[in-house]
C-alpha atoms as a PDB file:
ATOM      1  CA  UNK A   1      44.585  -8.692  24.822  1.00  0.00           C
ATOM      2  CA  UNK A   2      41.536 -10.745  25.553  1.00  0.00           C
ATOM      3  CA  UNK A   3      38.653  -8.357  24.503  1.00  0.00           C
ATOM      4  CA  UNK A   4      36.573  -9.446  27.743  1.00  0.00           C
ATOM      5  CA  UNK A   5      39.396  -8.478  29.942  1.00  0.00           C
ATOM      6  CA  UNK A   6      38.320  -5.082  31.675  1.00  0.00           C
ATOM      7  CA  UNK A   7      38.941  -3.555  34.960  1.00  0.00           C
ATOM      8  CA  UNK A   8      35.136  -2.122  35.175  1.00  0.00           C
ATOM      9  CA  UNK A   9      32.927  -4.669  36.337  1.00  0.00           C
ATOM     10  CA  UNK A  10      29.922  -2.812  34.397  1.00  0.00           C
ATOM     11  CA  UNK A  11      31.887  -2.642  31.247  1.00  0.00           C
ATOM     12  CA  UNK A  12      31.173  -4.786  28.206  1.00  0.00           C
ATOM     13  CA  UNK A  13      33.520  -4.533  24.901  1.00  0.00           C
ATOM     14  CA  UNK A  14      31.450  -4.154  21.688  1.00  0.00           C
ATOM     15  CA  UNK A  15      29.565  -7.721  21.090  1.00  0.00           C
ATOM     16  CA  UNK A  16      30.755  -7.370  17.434  1.00  0.00           C
ATOM     17  CA  UNK A  17      34.331  -7.383  18.130  1.00  0.00           C
ATOM     18  CA  UNK A  18      33.939 -10.728  20.119  1.00  0.00           C
ATOM     19  CA  UNK A  19      34.171 -14.297  18.508  1.00  0.00           C
ATOM     20  CA  UNK A  20      31.066 -15.364  20.956  1.00  0.00           C
ATOM     21  CA  UNK A  21      28.667 -14.224  23.449  1.00  0.00           C
ATOM     22  CA  UNK A  22      28.416 -15.226  27.113  1.00  0.00           C
ATOM     23  CA  UNK A  23      24.962 -15.293  28.620  1.00  0.00           C
ATOM     24  CA  UNK A  24      24.477 -16.006  32.539  1.00  0.00           C
ATOM     25  CA  UNK A  25      21.265 -16.966  34.409  1.00  0.00           C
ATOM     26  CA  UNK A  26      21.465 -16.556  38.199  1.00  0.00           C
ATOM     27  CA  UNK A  27      19.483 -16.283  41.303  1.00  0.00           C
ATOM     28  CA  UNK A  28      18.094 -18.167  44.316  1.00  0.00           C
ATOM     29  CA  UNK A  29      17.853 -21.964  44.454  1.00  0.00           C
ATOM     30  CA  UNK A  30      14.287 -22.795  43.065  1.00  0.00           C
ATOM     31  CA  UNK A  31      14.123 -19.835  40.877  1.00  0.00           C
ATOM     32  CA  UNK A  32      14.410 -21.959  37.481  1.00  0.00           C
ATOM     33  CA  UNK A  33      17.815 -21.543  36.148  1.00  0.00           C
ATOM     34  CA  UNK A  34      18.467 -24.889  35.063  1.00  0.00           C
ATOM     35  CA  UNK A  35      15.195 -24.947  32.998  1.00  0.00           C
ATOM     36  CA  UNK A  36      15.615 -21.436  31.777  1.00  0.00           C
ATOM     37  CA  UNK A  37      19.106 -22.169  30.600  1.00  0.00           C
ATOM     38  CA  UNK A  38      17.901 -25.003  28.734  1.00  0.00           C
ATOM     39  CA  UNK A  39      15.229 -23.094  27.044  1.00  0.00           C
ATOM     40  CA  UNK A  40      17.662 -20.435  26.015  1.00  0.00           C
ATOM     41  CA  UNK A  41      19.929 -22.462  24.939  1.00  0.00           C
ATOM     42  CA  UNK A  42      17.322 -24.399  22.775  1.00  0.00           C
ATOM     43  CA  UNK A  43      15.937 -21.237  21.278  1.00  0.00           C
ATOM     44  CA  UNK A  44      19.382 -20.060  20.439  1.00  0.00           C
ATOM     45  CA  UNK A  45      20.335 -23.486  18.464  1.00  0.00           C
ATOM     46  CA  UNK A  46      16.868 -23.014  16.878  1.00  0.00           C
ATOM     47  CA  UNK A  47      17.962 -19.654  15.498  1.00  0.00           C
ATOM     48  CA  UNK A  48      20.981 -21.353  14.055  1.00  0.00           C
ATOM     49  CA  UNK A  49      23.631 -20.524  16.647  1.00  0.00           C
ATOM     50  CA  UNK A  50      26.403 -22.811  18.155  1.00  0.00           C
ATOM     51  CA  UNK A  51      25.683 -22.898  21.846  1.00  0.00           C
ATOM     52  CA  UNK A  52      27.307 -24.500  24.911  1.00  0.00           C
ATOM     53  CA  UNK A  53      25.203 -24.946  28.023  1.00  0.00           C
ATOM     54  CA  UNK A  54      27.178 -25.394  31.251  1.00  0.00           C
ATOM     55  CA  UNK A  55      26.942 -24.487  34.984  1.00  0.00           C
ATOM     56  CA  UNK A  56      28.955 -23.657  38.080  1.00  0.00           C
ATOM     57  CA  UNK A  57      30.036 -25.065  40.233  1.00  0.00           C
ATOM     58  CA  UNK A  58      30.616 -27.749  37.865  1.00  0.00           C
ATOM     59  CA  UNK A  59      30.956 -28.137  33.902  1.00  0.00           C
ATOM     60  CA  UNK A  60      34.312 -29.617  34.315  1.00  0.00           C
ATOM     61  CA  UNK A  61      35.736 -32.852  36.174  1.00  0.00           C
ATOM     62  CA  UNK A  62      37.045 -30.814  38.879  1.00  0.00           C
ATOM     63  CA  UNK A  63      34.070 -28.708  39.082  1.00  0.00           C
ATOM     64  CA  UNK A  64      31.451 -31.477  39.237  1.00  0.00           C
ATOM     65  CA  UNK A  65      33.573 -33.072  41.980  1.00  0.00           C
ATOM     66  CA  UNK A  66      33.736 -29.633  44.124  1.00  0.00           C
ATOM     67  CA  UNK A  67      30.046 -29.586  43.281  1.00  0.00           C
ATOM     68  CA  UNK A  68      29.424 -32.508  44.817  1.00  0.00           C
ATOM     69  CA  UNK A  69      31.506 -31.826  47.787  1.00  0.00           C
ATOM     70  CA  UNK A  70      29.949 -28.199  48.241  1.00  0.00           C
ATOM     71  CA  UNK A  71      26.255 -29.699  48.108  1.00  0.00           C
ATOM     72  CA  UNK A  72      26.665 -32.540  50.285  1.00  0.00           C
ATOM     73  CA  UNK A  73      24.540 -32.358  53.557  1.00  0.00           C
ATOM     74  CA  UNK A  74      27.263 -34.565  55.430  1.00  0.00           C
ATOM     75  CA  UNK A  75      29.975 -31.887  54.945  1.00  0.00           C
ATOM     76  CA  UNK A  76      28.573 -29.906  57.630  1.00  0.00           C
ATOM     77  CA  UNK A  77      29.690 -26.328  58.109  1.00  0.00           C
ATOM     78  CA  UNK A  78      32.759 -24.924  56.341  1.00  0.00           C
ATOM     79  CA  UNK A  79      34.746 -21.672  57.038  1.00  0.00           C
ATOM     80  CA  UNK A  80      33.131 -19.092  54.967  1.00  0.00           C
ATOM     81  CA  UNK A  81      36.299 -18.259  53.117  1.00  0.00           C
ATOM     82  CA  UNK A  82      37.180 -22.018  52.452  1.00  0.00           C
ATOM     83  CA  UNK A  83      33.813 -22.371  51.055  1.00  0.00           C
ATOM     84  CA  UNK A  84      34.556 -19.243  48.516  1.00  0.00           C
ATOM     85  CA  UNK A  85      37.882 -20.757  47.481  1.00  0.00           C
ATOM     86  CA  UNK A  86      36.076 -24.026  46.449  1.00  0.00           C
ATOM     87  CA  UNK A  87      33.702 -22.158  44.254  1.00  0.00           C
ATOM     88  CA  UNK A  88      36.359 -19.962  42.890  1.00  0.00           C
ATOM     89  CA  UNK A  89      38.576 -23.188  42.250  1.00  0.00           C
ATOM     90  CA  UNK A  90      35.698 -24.559  40.186  1.00  0.00           C
ATOM     91  CA  UNK A  91      35.168 -21.428  38.443  1.00  0.00           C
ATOM     92  CA  UNK A  92      38.691 -21.091  37.461  1.00  0.00           C
ATOM     93  CA  UNK A  93      38.550 -24.301  35.752  1.00  0.00           C
ATOM     94  CA  UNK A  94      35.623 -23.636  34.067  1.00  0.00           C
ATOM     95  CA  UNK A  95      36.920 -20.583  32.613  1.00  0.00           C
ATOM     96  CA  UNK A  96      40.328 -22.001  31.359  1.00  0.00           C
ATOM     97  CA  UNK A  97      38.859 -25.379  30.168  1.00  0.00           C
ATOM     98  CA  UNK A  98      35.438 -24.518  28.926  1.00  0.00           C
ATOM     99  CA  UNK A  99      34.432 -21.042  28.634  1.00  0.00           C
ATOM    100  CA  UNK A 100      37.427 -19.438  27.176  1.00  0.00           C
ATOM    101  CA  UNK A 101      37.932 -21.804  24.278  1.00  0.00           C
ATOM    102  CA  UNK A 102      34.208 -21.769  23.541  1.00  0.00           C
ATOM    103  CA  UNK A 103      34.183 -18.175  23.107  1.00  0.00           C
ATOM    104  CA  UNK A 104      37.249 -17.985  21.093  1.00  0.00           C
ATOM    105  CA  UNK A 105      35.747 -20.241  18.562  1.00  0.00           C
ATOM    106  CA  UNK A 106      32.443 -18.233  18.284  1.00  0.00           C
ATOM    107  CA  UNK A 107      30.336 -19.960  20.159  1.00  0.00           C
ATOM    108  CA  UNK A 108      27.477 -18.717  22.375  1.00  0.00           C
ATOM    109  CA  UNK A 109      27.883 -19.727  26.020  1.00  0.00           C
ATOM    110  CA  UNK A 110      25.233 -20.195  28.511  1.00  0.00           C
ATOM    111  CA  UNK A 111      25.855 -20.668  31.936  1.00  0.00           C
ATOM    112  CA  UNK A 112      24.209 -21.196  35.290  1.00  0.00           C
ATOM    113  CA  UNK A 113      25.558 -19.094  37.673  1.00  0.00           C
ATOM    114  CA  UNK A 114      28.690 -16.868  37.870  1.00  0.00           C
ATOM    115  CA  UNK A 115      30.698 -14.895  40.553  1.00  0.00           C
ATOM    116  CA  UNK A 116      27.362 -13.096  41.451  1.00  0.00           C
ATOM    117  CA  UNK A 117      26.365 -15.970  43.271  1.00  0.00           C
ATOM    118  CA  UNK A 118      29.492 -16.095  45.319  1.00  0.00           C
ATOM    119  CA  UNK A 119      28.966 -12.484  46.236  1.00  0.00           C
ATOM    120  CA  UNK A 120      25.323 -13.067  47.231  1.00  0.00           C
ATOM    121  CA  UNK A 121      25.597 -16.358  48.924  1.00  0.00           C
ATOM    122  CA  UNK A 122      28.716 -16.262  50.853  1.00  0.00           C
ATOM    123  CA  UNK A 123      28.396 -12.576  51.167  1.00  0.00           C
ATOM    124  CA  UNK A 124      25.186 -13.325  52.940  1.00  0.00           C
ATOM    125  CA  UNK A 125      27.351 -14.821  55.709  1.00  0.00           C
ATOM    126  CA  UNK A 126      28.049 -12.227  58.895  1.00  0.00           C
ATOM    127  CA  UNK A 127      31.350 -11.040  58.569  1.00  0.00           C
ATOM    128  CA  UNK A 128      32.150 -12.218  55.186  1.00  0.00           C
ATOM    129  CA  UNK A 129      29.982  -9.782  52.790  1.00  0.00           C
ATOM    130  CA  UNK A 130      30.875  -6.568  54.369  1.00  0.00           C
ATOM    131  CA  UNK A 131      34.150  -4.649  54.851  1.00  0.00           C
ATOM    132  CA  UNK A 132      37.243  -6.622  54.180  1.00  0.00           C
ATOM    133  CA  UNK A 133      35.154  -9.719  53.216  1.00  0.00           C
ATOM    134  CA  UNK A 134      33.615  -7.860  50.388  1.00  0.00           C
ATOM    135  CA  UNK A 135      37.161  -6.985  48.962  1.00  0.00           C
ATOM    136  CA  UNK A 136      37.965 -10.553  49.417  1.00  0.00           C
ATOM    137  CA  UNK A 137      34.934 -11.736  47.545  1.00  0.00           C
ATOM    138  CA  UNK A 138      35.957  -9.318  44.734  1.00  0.00           C
ATOM    139  CA  UNK A 139      39.562 -10.138  44.478  1.00  0.00           C
ATOM    140  CA  UNK A 140      39.252 -13.767  44.451  1.00  0.00           C
ATOM    141  CA  UNK A 141      36.457 -13.505  41.709  1.00  0.00           C
ATOM    142  CA  UNK A 142      38.618 -11.403  39.315  1.00  0.00           C
ATOM    143  CA  UNK A 143      41.273 -13.974  39.767  1.00  0.00           C
ATOM    144  CA  UNK A 144      38.995 -16.993  39.087  1.00  0.00           C
ATOM    145  CA  UNK A 145      37.471 -15.465  36.080  1.00  0.00           C
ATOM    146  CA  UNK A 146      40.618 -13.955  34.732  1.00  0.00           C
ATOM    147  CA  UNK A 147      38.611 -11.052  33.297  1.00  0.00           C
ATOM    148  CA  UNK A 148      36.005 -12.958  31.406  1.00  0.00           C
ATOM    149  CA  UNK A 149      32.517 -11.346  32.041  1.00  0.00           C
ATOM    150  CA  UNK A 150      29.031 -12.072  30.562  1.00  0.00           C
ATOM    151  CA  UNK A 151      27.803 -10.194  27.682  1.00  0.00           C
ATOM    152  CA  UNK A 152      24.476 -10.548  29.365  1.00  0.00           C
ATOM    153  CA  UNK A 153      23.545 -11.497  33.143  1.00  0.00           C
ATOM    154  CA  UNK A 154      20.140 -12.254  33.784  1.00  0.00           C
ATOM    155  CA  UNK A 155      18.705 -12.365  37.771  1.00  0.00           C
ATOM    156  CA  UNK A 156      15.823 -14.530  37.797  1.00  0.00           C
ATOM    157  CA  UNK A 157      14.046 -12.779  40.874  1.00  0.00           C
ATOM    158  CA  UNK A 158      11.346 -13.957  43.136  1.00  0.00           C
ATOM    159  CA  UNK A 159      10.584 -13.657  46.761  1.00  0.00           C
ATOM    160  CA  UNK A 160      12.583 -16.092  48.973  1.00  0.00           C
ATOM    161  CA  UNK A 161       9.465 -17.913  50.299  1.00  0.00           C
ATOM    162  CA  UNK A 162       8.258 -18.899  46.682  1.00  0.00           C
ATOM    163  CA  UNK A 163      11.902 -20.221  45.749  1.00  0.00           C
ATOM    164  CA  UNK A 164      11.840 -22.079  49.509  1.00  0.00           C
ATOM    165  CA  UNK A 165       8.388 -23.608  48.201  1.00  0.00           C
ATOM    166  CA  UNK A 166      10.005 -24.690  44.919  1.00  0.00           C
ATOM    167  CA  UNK A 167      13.120 -26.530  46.276  1.00  0.00           C
ATOM    168  CA  UNK A 168      10.880 -28.795  48.243  1.00  0.00           C
ATOM    169  CA  UNK A 169      12.075 -31.396  50.964  1.00  0.00           C
ATOM    170  CA  UNK A 170      14.770 -33.018  49.622  1.00  0.00           C
ATOM    171  CA  UNK A 171      17.589 -30.354  50.055  1.00  0.00           C
ATOM    172  CA  UNK A 172      21.250 -30.165  49.787  1.00  0.00           C
ATOM    173  CA  UNK A 173      23.502 -28.497  52.131  1.00  0.00           C
ATOM    174  CA  UNK A 174      23.025 -24.833  50.699  1.00  0.00           C
ATOM    175  CA  UNK A 175      19.165 -25.406  50.329  1.00  0.00           C
ATOM    176  CA  UNK A 176      18.794 -26.466  54.060  1.00  0.00           C
ATOM    177  CA  UNK A 177      19.745 -23.027  55.389  1.00  0.00           C
ATOM    178  CA  UNK A 178      16.941 -21.192  57.024  1.00  0.00           C
ATOM    179  CA  UNK A 179      14.449 -18.408  55.269  1.00  0.00           C
ATOM    180  CA  UNK A 180      16.223 -15.478  56.951  1.00  0.00           C
ATOM    181  CA  UNK A 181      19.414 -16.398  55.240  1.00  0.00           C
ATOM    182  CA  UNK A 182      17.643 -16.843  51.642  1.00  0.00           C
ATOM    183  CA  UNK A 183      16.218 -13.236  52.161  1.00  0.00           C
ATOM    184  CA  UNK A 184      19.643 -11.961  52.525  1.00  0.00           C
ATOM    185  CA  UNK A 185      20.809 -13.752  49.683  1.00  0.00           C
ATOM    186  CA  UNK A 186      18.072 -12.471  47.588  1.00  0.00           C
ATOM    187  CA  UNK A 187      18.685  -8.853  48.659  1.00  0.00           C
ATOM    188  CA  UNK A 188      22.456  -9.276  47.792  1.00  0.00           C
ATOM    189  CA  UNK A 189      21.384 -10.639  44.571  1.00  0.00           C
ATOM    190  CA  UNK A 190      19.594  -7.462  43.678  1.00  0.00           C
ATOM    191  CA  UNK A 191      22.440  -5.018  45.126  1.00  0.00           C
ATOM    192  CA  UNK A 192      25.015  -7.005  42.945  1.00  0.00           C
ATOM    193  CA  UNK A 193      22.766  -6.607  39.678  1.00  0.00           C
ATOM    194  CA  UNK A 194      21.730  -3.142  40.164  1.00  0.00           C
ATOM    195  CA  UNK A 195      25.361  -2.079  40.371  1.00  0.00           C
ATOM    196  CA  UNK A 196      25.934  -3.467  36.806  1.00  0.00           C
ATOM    197  CA  UNK A 197      23.354  -2.217  34.613  1.00  0.00           C
ATOM    198  CA  UNK A 198      25.042  -1.994  31.424  1.00  0.00           C
ATOM    199  CA  UNK A 199      25.371  -5.749  31.568  1.00  0.00           C
ATOM    200  CA  UNK A 200      22.787  -7.040  34.184  1.00  0.00           C
ATOM    201  CA  UNK A 201      19.127  -7.336  33.794  1.00  0.00           C
ATOM    202  CA  UNK A 202      16.465  -8.274  36.550  1.00  0.00           C
ATOM    203  CA  UNK A 203      13.343 -10.627  35.127  1.00  0.00           C
ATOM    204  CA  UNK A 204      10.389 -11.865  37.304  1.00  0.00           C
ATOM    205  CA  UNK A 205      10.998 -15.510  37.685  1.00  0.00           C
ATOM    206  CA  UNK A 206       7.364 -15.776  38.821  1.00  0.00           C
ATOM    207  CA  UNK A 207       4.794 -17.251  36.005  1.00  0.00           C
ATOM    208  CA  UNK A 208       4.946 -20.194  33.503  1.00  0.00           C
ATOM    209  CA  UNK A 209       8.055 -21.634  32.129  1.00  0.00           C
ATOM    210  CA  UNK A 210       7.024 -20.129  28.709  1.00  0.00           C
ATOM    211  CA  UNK A 211       6.205 -16.760  29.949  1.00  0.00           C
ATOM    212  CA  UNK A 212       9.814 -16.507  32.077  1.00  0.00           C
ATOM    213  CA  UNK A 213      11.654 -17.633  29.048  1.00  0.00           C
ATOM    214  CA  UNK A 214      10.059 -14.997  26.906  1.00  0.00           C
ATOM    215  CA  UNK A 215      11.021 -12.407  29.309  1.00  0.00           C
ATOM    216  CA  UNK A 216      14.465 -13.712  29.107  1.00  0.00           C
ATOM    217  CA  UNK A 217      14.609 -13.647  25.659  1.00  0.00           C
ATOM    218  CA  UNK A 218      13.668 -10.078  25.510  1.00  0.00           C
ATOM    219  CA  UNK A 219      16.547  -9.006  27.541  1.00  0.00           C
ATOM    220  CA  UNK A 220      19.276 -10.987  25.387  1.00  0.00           C
ATOM    221  CA  UNK A 221      17.808 -10.342  21.907  1.00  0.00           C
ATOM    222  CA  UNK A 222      19.652  -6.903  21.503  1.00  0.00           C
ATOM    223  CA  UNK A 223      22.986  -8.657  21.753  1.00  0.00           C
ATOM    224  CA  UNK A 224      21.740 -11.267  19.147  1.00  0.00           C
ATOM    225  CA  UNK A 225      20.406  -8.638  16.674  1.00  0.00           C
END
């Protein structure tokens, strides 16, 4: 059995028993995920580790095409579950084509976003993230990830008004939604991460690039040691 397959969303098998390590950085748009994922990957390589830096949606030919579709402002509104299934299709391909093979050969995978983002963003829609919708999000994520969960997931947390300013004026389809939606997404992220204390850590994303990078290193270094 794959040592990463578990029915417990807060469980993480002994890292020493795993060929590779899986790190996830997530949070609101504008929180610095790409910058910090790059810094983390560079720091790990400097420490002599084999590292793969990827993102979702994306990371594969299919994933990048899904990403372009999802972020296209001209696409307009999608049925909430149609949007969920597009994200999950990209995620499933990334797991099968990129993440699982990399972990099997002992690589450290650094990924921008994971299923936490689906729960936060699509879960923030009225009528999707509660009740039966919550169960649909959970089950679709389980199918897409096939049990592959991170060793450490880091929430780059900041107020929605700060992330909104960082995004700027040139916005994609998701970034164009209002502040009330972004506040709900931020709260959903905090709820999701608080429910998984073994794997998930919250990091203050305000401050210089160097300050935030140091905070991230502090919450992953125990797995490297």
